[in-house]
Amino acid sequence: MNLKEAIAYRIQTLCEANNLSPSSLAYLCGMDRSTIYSILGNKSKSPEVATIKKICDGLKITLGEFFSTPEFDHLEQEIQ
């Protein structure tokens, strides 16, 4: 799993845990639905931290809580 996939997976699991559709999440975050769908799909290669922060704000979680999962802990180093 790469970083983009880990972010998309985390958003999907948070949506499921909060019983939200991607459209509902976008509404909560004050974002365009297309932004959420591009992160979940193949259009967005690497979402900005500011975008992830808006998602966290909408879900009432911190950036630390967003990234504190095994998916992020097990990412391979980008620089070897």
C-alpha atoms as a PDB file:
ATOM      1  CA  MET A   1       0.000   0.000   0.000  1.00  0.00           C
ATOM      2  CA  ASN A   2       1.340   3.442  -0.897  1.00  0.00           C
ATOM      3  CA  LEU A   3       0.582   6.764   0.794  1.00  0.00           C
ATOM      4  CA  LYS A   4      -2.267   7.696  -1.560  1.00  0.00           C
ATOM      5  CA  GLU A   5      -3.919   4.315  -1.057  1.00  0.00           C
ATOM      6  CA  ALA A   6      -3.482   4.558   2.724  1.00  0.00           C
ATOM      7  CA  ILE A   7      -5.170   7.978   2.777  1.00  0.00           C
ATOM      8  CA  ALA A   8      -8.058   6.774   0.624  1.00  0.00           C
ATOM      9  CA  TYR A   9      -8.451   3.650   2.761  1.00  0.00           C
ATOM     10  CA  ARG A  10      -8.446   5.714   5.969  1.00  0.00           C
ATOM     11  CA  ILE A  11     -11.139   8.045   4.608  1.00  0.00           C
ATOM     12  CA  GLN A  12     -13.248   5.054   3.554  1.00  0.00           C
ATOM     13  CA  THR A  13     -12.959   3.420   6.972  1.00  0.00           C
ATOM     14  CA  LEU A  14     -13.813   6.691   8.728  1.00  0.00           C
ATOM     15  CA  CYS A  15     -16.865   7.099   6.481  1.00  0.00           C
ATOM     16  CA  GLU A  16     -17.984   3.559   7.311  1.00  0.00           C
ATOM     17  CA  ALA A  17     -17.373   4.048  11.042  1.00  0.00           C
ATOM     18  CA  ASN A  18     -19.435   7.243  10.999  1.00  0.00           C
ATOM     19  CA  ASN A  19     -22.082   5.869   8.622  1.00  0.00           C
ATOM     20  CA  LEU A  20     -21.303   8.540   6.035  1.00  0.00           C
ATOM     21  CA  SER A  21     -21.231   8.498   2.277  1.00  0.00           C
ATOM     22  CA  PRO A  22     -18.399  10.372   0.558  1.00  0.00           C
ATOM     23  CA  SER A  23     -20.959  13.048  -0.391  1.00  0.00           C
ATOM     24  CA  SER A  24     -22.059  13.411   3.235  1.00  0.00           C
ATOM     25  CA  LEU A  25     -18.430  13.679   4.313  1.00  0.00           C
ATOM     26  CA  ALA A  26     -17.836  16.432   1.758  1.00  0.00           C
ATOM     27  CA  TYR A  27     -20.838  18.340   3.109  1.00  0.00           C
ATOM     28  CA  LEU A  28     -19.588  18.009   6.716  1.00  0.00           C
ATOM     29  CA  CYS A  29     -16.171  19.278   5.686  1.00  0.00           C
ATOM     30  CA  GLY A  30     -17.442  22.144   3.537  1.00  0.00           C
ATOM     31  CA  MET A  31     -15.724  20.654   0.523  1.00  0.00           C
ATOM     32  CA  ASP A  32     -16.706  19.824  -3.021  1.00  0.00           C
ATOM     33  CA  ARG A  33     -17.831  16.225  -3.484  1.00  0.00           C
ATOM     34  CA  SER A  34     -15.416  16.002  -6.393  1.00  0.00           C
ATOM     35  CA  THR A  35     -12.496  16.582  -4.004  1.00  0.00           C
ATOM     36  CA  ILE A  36     -13.450  13.601  -1.839  1.00  0.00           C
ATOM     37  CA  TYR A  37     -14.156  11.411  -4.849  1.00  0.00           C
ATOM     38  CA  SER A  38     -10.829  12.365  -6.471  1.00  0.00           C
ATOM     39  CA  ILE A  39      -8.985  11.323  -3.296  1.00  0.00           C
ATOM     40  CA  LEU A  40     -10.890   8.040  -3.157  1.00  0.00           C
ATOM     41  CA  GLY A  41     -10.389   7.419  -6.879  1.00  0.00           C
ATOM     42  CA  ASN A  42      -7.351   7.756  -9.090  1.00  0.00           C
ATOM     43  CA  LYS A  43      -7.468  11.487  -9.891  1.00  0.00           C
ATOM     44  CA  SER A  44      -5.692  12.829  -6.810  1.00  0.00           C
ATOM     45  CA  LYS A  45      -2.174  11.493  -6.523  1.00  0.00           C
ATOM     46  CA  SER A  46      -1.383  13.076  -3.151  1.00  0.00           C
ATOM     47  CA  PRO A  47      -3.935  15.183  -1.272  1.00  0.00           C
ATOM     48  CA  GLU A  48      -2.610  18.251   0.515  1.00  0.00           C
ATOM     49  CA  VAL A  49      -2.339  18.275   4.292  1.00  0.00           C
ATOM     50  CA  ALA A  50      -4.779  21.226   4.334  1.00  0.00           C
ATOM     51  CA  THR A  51      -7.364  19.030   2.598  1.00  0.00           C
ATOM     52  CA  ILE A  52      -6.840  16.200   5.070  1.00  0.00           C
ATOM     53  CA  LYS A  53      -7.117  18.746   7.906  1.00  0.00           C
ATOM     54  CA  LYS A  54     -10.543  19.852   6.593  1.00  0.00           C
ATOM     55  CA  ILE A  55     -11.642  16.218   6.542  1.00  0.00           C
ATOM     56  CA  CYS A  56     -10.414  15.806  10.117  1.00  0.00           C
ATOM     57  CA  ASP A  57     -12.260  18.952  11.184  1.00  0.00           C
ATOM     58  CA  GLY A  58     -15.477  17.662   9.617  1.00  0.00           C
ATOM     59  CA  LEU A  59     -15.089  14.359  11.447  1.00  0.00           C
ATOM     60  CA  LYS A  60     -14.013  16.098  14.676  1.00  0.00           C
ATOM     61  CA  ILE A  61     -10.720  14.232  14.869  1.00  0.00           C
ATOM     62  CA  THR A  62      -7.131  15.430  14.939  1.00  0.00           C
ATOM     63  CA  LEU A  63      -4.531  14.932  12.246  1.00  0.00           C
ATOM     64  CA  GLY A  64      -2.759  12.664  14.727  1.00  0.00           C
ATOM     65  CA  GLU A  65      -5.843  10.477  15.019  1.00  0.00           C
ATOM     66  CA  PHE A  66      -6.169  10.367  11.234  1.00  0.00           C
ATOM     67  CA  PHE A  67      -2.615   9.166  10.723  1.00  0.00           C
ATOM     68  CA  SER A  68      -2.375   6.953  13.804  1.00  0.00           C
ATOM     69  CA  THR A  69      -3.208   3.648  12.120  1.00  0.00           C
ATOM     70  CA  PRO A  70      -1.226   0.566  11.080  1.00  0.00           C
ATOM     71  CA  GLU A  71      -1.610   1.502   7.391  1.00  0.00           C
ATOM     72  CA  PHE A  72       0.527   4.604   7.911  1.00  0.00           C
ATOM     73  CA  ASP A  73       2.910   2.912  10.337  1.00  0.00           C
ATOM     74  CA  HIS A  74       3.800   0.271   7.757  1.00  0.00           C
ATOM     75  CA  LEU A  75       4.370   2.485   4.722  1.00  0.00           C
ATOM     76  CA  GLU A  76       7.708   1.957   3.053  1.00  0.00           C
ATOM     77  CA  GLN A  77      10.188   4.825   3.246  1.00  0.00           C
ATOM     78  CA  GLU A  78      10.087   7.080   0.221  1.00  0.00           C
ATOM     79  CA  ILE A  79      13.805   7.841   0.403  1.00  0.00           C
ATOM     80  CA  GLN A  80      16.149   4.873   0.525  1.00  0.00           C
END
